[in-house]
Amino acid sequence: MNRARLFAPNEASLKRQMAKKSRSRPQAIRERAAQTATALGSASPVAEATKRRTSARQFAKEVRAEARKITWTSWKETWITSLMVAIMVALSAVFFWVVDLGLGAAITQLLKLATSG
């Protein structure tokens, strides 16, 4: 059997693809947007109007409660991380210095060849 014929789309699949593309009309787009909004659980204006305001005292309590949940790194972890950053900065500086020296020497040699020729 011809291999190209095996993988060629048939007429029925092309019609299905065309039917799917017809969903891009404005009404279909609005319908999909409404479905997405419903699925995400977006609040209606009525629900937002009935929300209770939080007092400053309650807000401060909630902030403190959330702040207690934060886990900070230990001094040892901070020291090790800082040391690793310093080492990587030093290695990067040495690498770029060597590259700069090499490129500078190469350009100098190129200019010498161009002017002596």
C-alpha atoms as a PDB file:
ATOM      1  CA  MET A   1       0.000   0.000   0.000  1.00  0.00           C
ATOM      2  CA  ASN A   2       1.197   3.536  -0.671  1.00  0.00           C
ATOM      3  CA  ARG A   3       2.670   5.052   2.526  1.00  0.00           C
ATOM      4  CA  ALA A   4       1.604   8.611   1.650  1.00  0.00           C
ATOM      5  CA  ARG A   5      -1.984   7.440   1.223  1.00  0.00           C
ATOM      6  CA  LEU A   6      -1.965   5.924   4.727  1.00  0.00           C
ATOM      7  CA  PHE A   7      -1.205   9.244   6.384  1.00  0.00           C
ATOM      8  CA  ALA A   8      -3.163  11.565   4.076  1.00  0.00           C
ATOM      9  CA  PRO A   9      -6.263  13.090   5.698  1.00  0.00           C
ATOM     10  CA  ASN A  10      -9.508  11.801   4.269  1.00  0.00           C
ATOM     11  CA  GLU A  11     -12.526  13.875   3.344  1.00  0.00           C
ATOM     12  CA  ALA A  12     -14.398  13.128   6.566  1.00  0.00           C
ATOM     13  CA  SER A  13     -11.552  14.338   8.779  1.00  0.00           C
ATOM     14  CA  LEU A  14     -11.225  17.507   6.709  1.00  0.00           C
ATOM     15  CA  LYS A  15     -14.946  18.208   7.171  1.00  0.00           C
ATOM     16  CA  ARG A  16     -14.584  17.722  10.941  1.00  0.00           C
ATOM     17  CA  GLN A  17     -11.694  20.190  11.014  1.00  0.00           C
ATOM     18  CA  MET A  18     -13.720  22.741   9.056  1.00  0.00           C
ATOM     19  CA  ALA A  19     -16.649  22.287  11.461  1.00  0.00           C
ATOM     20  CA  LYS A  20     -14.333  22.966  14.397  1.00  0.00           C
ATOM     21  CA  LYS A  21     -13.095  26.159  12.761  1.00  0.00           C
ATOM     22  CA  SER A  22     -16.652  27.468  12.471  1.00  0.00           C
ATOM     23  CA  ARG A  23     -16.621  27.795  16.264  1.00  0.00           C
ATOM     24  CA  SER A  24     -14.536  30.932  15.905  1.00  0.00           C
ATOM     25  CA  ARG A  25     -17.594  33.040  15.125  1.00  0.00           C
ATOM     26  CA  PRO A  26     -18.256  35.835  17.682  1.00  0.00           C
ATOM     27  CA  GLN A  27     -21.215  34.096  19.314  1.00  0.00           C
ATOM     28  CA  ALA A  28     -19.196  30.926  19.879  1.00  0.00           C
ATOM     29  CA  ILE A  29     -16.360  32.985  21.349  1.00  0.00           C
ATOM     30  CA  ARG A  30     -18.767  34.663  23.785  1.00  0.00           C
ATOM     31  CA  GLU A  31     -20.206  31.293  24.753  1.00  0.00           C
ATOM     32  CA  ARG A  32     -16.754  29.863  25.431  1.00  0.00           C
ATOM     33  CA  ALA A  33     -15.836  32.944  27.468  1.00  0.00           C
ATOM     34  CA  ALA A  34     -18.971  32.524  29.564  1.00  0.00           C
ATOM     35  CA  GLN A  35     -18.217  28.837  30.092  1.00  0.00           C
ATOM     36  CA  THR A  36     -14.644  29.647  31.127  1.00  0.00           C
ATOM     37  CA  ALA A  37     -15.824  32.311  33.563  1.00  0.00           C
ATOM     38  CA  THR A  38     -18.296  29.868  35.075  1.00  0.00           C
ATOM     39  CA  ALA A  39     -15.648  27.160  35.359  1.00  0.00           C
ATOM     40  CA  LEU A  40     -13.251  29.541  37.092  1.00  0.00           C
ATOM     41  CA  GLY A  41     -15.957  30.549  39.526  1.00  0.00           C
ATOM     42  CA  SER A  42     -15.780  34.253  38.866  1.00  0.00           C
ATOM     43  CA  ALA A  43     -17.785  36.268  41.351  1.00  0.00           C
ATOM     44  CA  SER A  44     -20.858  38.104  40.240  1.00  0.00           C
ATOM     45  CA  PRO A  45     -21.287  41.824  41.058  1.00  0.00           C
ATOM     46  CA  VAL A  46     -23.974  40.902  43.617  1.00  0.00           C
ATOM     47  CA  ALA A  47     -21.607  38.543  45.441  1.00  0.00           C
ATOM     48  CA  GLU A  48     -18.872  41.190  45.524  1.00  0.00           C
ATOM     49  CA  ALA A  49     -21.279  43.781  46.947  1.00  0.00           C
ATOM     50  CA  THR A  50     -22.126  41.502  49.887  1.00  0.00           C
ATOM     51  CA  LYS A  51     -18.478  40.951  50.912  1.00  0.00           C
ATOM     52  CA  ARG A  52     -17.762  42.130  54.422  1.00  0.00           C
ATOM     53  CA  ARG A  53     -14.997  44.639  54.942  1.00  0.00           C
ATOM     54  CA  THR A  54     -12.147  43.605  57.187  1.00  0.00           C
ATOM     55  CA  SER A  55     -11.271  45.919  60.039  1.00  0.00           C
ATOM     56  CA  ALA A  56      -7.730  47.167  60.467  1.00  0.00           C
ATOM     57  CA  ARG A  57      -7.373  45.106  63.652  1.00  0.00           C
ATOM     58  CA  GLN A  58      -8.529  41.891  61.932  1.00  0.00           C
ATOM     59  CA  PHE A  59      -6.233  42.622  58.995  1.00  0.00           C
ATOM     60  CA  ALA A  60      -3.250  43.039  61.347  1.00  0.00           C
ATOM     61  CA  LYS A  61      -4.104  39.729  63.051  1.00  0.00           C
ATOM     62  CA  GLU A  62      -4.246  37.938  59.707  1.00  0.00           C
ATOM     63  CA  VAL A  63      -0.935  39.459  58.610  1.00  0.00           C
ATOM     64  CA  ARG A  64       0.750  38.321  61.841  1.00  0.00           C
ATOM     65  CA  ALA A  65      -0.709  34.814  61.446  1.00  0.00           C
ATOM     66  CA  GLU A  66       0.628  34.576  57.896  1.00  0.00           C
ATOM     67  CA  ALA A  67       4.018  35.954  58.979  1.00  0.00           C
ATOM     68  CA  ARG A  68       4.320  33.167  61.571  1.00  0.00           C
ATOM     69  CA  LYS A  69       3.986  30.599  58.774  1.00  0.00           C
ATOM     70  CA  ILE A  70       7.132  31.848  57.024  1.00  0.00           C
ATOM     71  CA  THR A  71      10.131  29.559  57.403  1.00  0.00           C
ATOM     72  CA  TRP A  72      13.415  31.401  57.335  1.00  0.00           C
ATOM     73  CA  THR A  73      16.728  29.837  56.481  1.00  0.00           C
ATOM     74  CA  SER A  74      19.198  29.220  59.269  1.00  0.00           C
ATOM     75  CA  TRP A  75      22.387  31.257  59.639  1.00  0.00           C
ATOM     76  CA  LYS A  76      24.400  28.249  58.477  1.00  0.00           C
ATOM     77  CA  GLU A  77      22.357  27.897  55.280  1.00  0.00           C
ATOM     78  CA  THR A  78      22.605  31.639  54.636  1.00  0.00           C
ATOM     79  CA  TRP A  79      26.390  31.581  55.187  1.00  0.00           C
ATOM     80  CA  ILE A  80      26.910  28.598  52.867  1.00  0.00           C
ATOM     81  CA  THR A  81      24.746  30.123  50.138  1.00  0.00           C
ATOM     82  CA  SER A  82      26.546  33.461  50.409  1.00  0.00           C
ATOM     83  CA  LEU A  83      29.923  31.727  50.211  1.00  0.00           C
ATOM     84  CA  MET A  84      28.846  29.804  47.103  1.00  0.00           C
ATOM     85  CA  VAL A  85      27.678  33.019  45.451  1.00  0.00           C
ATOM     86  CA  ALA A  86      31.011  34.704  46.232  1.00  0.00           C
ATOM     87  CA  ILE A  87      32.942  31.741  44.779  1.00  0.00           C
ATOM     88  CA  MET A  88      30.859  31.755  41.593  1.00  0.00           C
ATOM     89  CA  VAL A  89      31.332  35.523  41.198  1.00  0.00           C
ATOM     90  CA  ALA A  90      35.105  35.111  41.569  1.00  0.00           C
ATOM     91  CA  LEU A  91      35.206  32.245  39.057  1.00  0.00           C
ATOM     92  CA  SER A  92      33.109  34.239  36.589  1.00  0.00           C
ATOM     93  CA  ALA A  93      35.377  37.260  36.992  1.00  0.00           C
ATOM     94  CA  VAL A  94      38.480  35.154  36.304  1.00  0.00           C
ATOM     95  CA  PHE A  95      36.816  33.515  33.291  1.00  0.00           C
ATOM     96  CA  PHE A  96      35.804  36.825  31.710  1.00  0.00           C
ATOM     97  CA  TRP A  97      39.238  38.331  32.457  1.00  0.00           C
ATOM     98  CA  VAL A  98      40.918  35.438  30.605  1.00  0.00           C
ATOM     99  CA  VAL A  99      38.472  35.750  27.694  1.00  0.00           C
ATOM    100  CA  ASP A 100      39.106  39.507  27.570  1.00  0.00           C
ATOM    101  CA  LEU A 101      42.875  38.955  27.507  1.00  0.00           C
ATOM    102  CA  GLY A 102      42.538  36.376  24.729  1.00  0.00           C
ATOM    103  CA  LEU A 103      40.279  38.519  22.581  1.00  0.00           C
ATOM    104  CA  GLY A 104      42.483  41.564  23.154  1.00  0.00           C
ATOM    105  CA  ALA A 105      45.585  39.641  22.061  1.00  0.00           C
ATOM    106  CA  ALA A 106      43.779  38.246  19.008  1.00  0.00           C
ATOM    107  CA  ILE A 107      42.577  41.684  17.907  1.00  0.00           C
ATOM    108  CA  THR A 108      46.057  43.146  18.443  1.00  0.00           C
ATOM    109  CA  GLN A 109      47.578  40.442  16.242  1.00  0.00           C
ATOM    110  CA  LEU A 110      44.916  40.997  13.584  1.00  0.00           C
ATOM    111  CA  LEU A 111      45.601  44.727  13.533  1.00  0.00           C
ATOM    112  CA  LYS A 112      49.367  44.124  13.300  1.00  0.00           C
ATOM    113  CA  LEU A 113      48.806  41.823  10.314  1.00  0.00           C
ATOM    114  CA  ALA A 114      46.519  44.357   8.642  1.00  0.00           C
ATOM    115  CA  THR A 115      48.950  47.282   9.043  1.00  0.00           C
ATOM    116  CA  SER A 116      52.150  45.399   8.149  1.00  0.00           C
ATOM    117  CA  GLY A 117      50.753  43.836   4.989  1.00  0.00           C
END
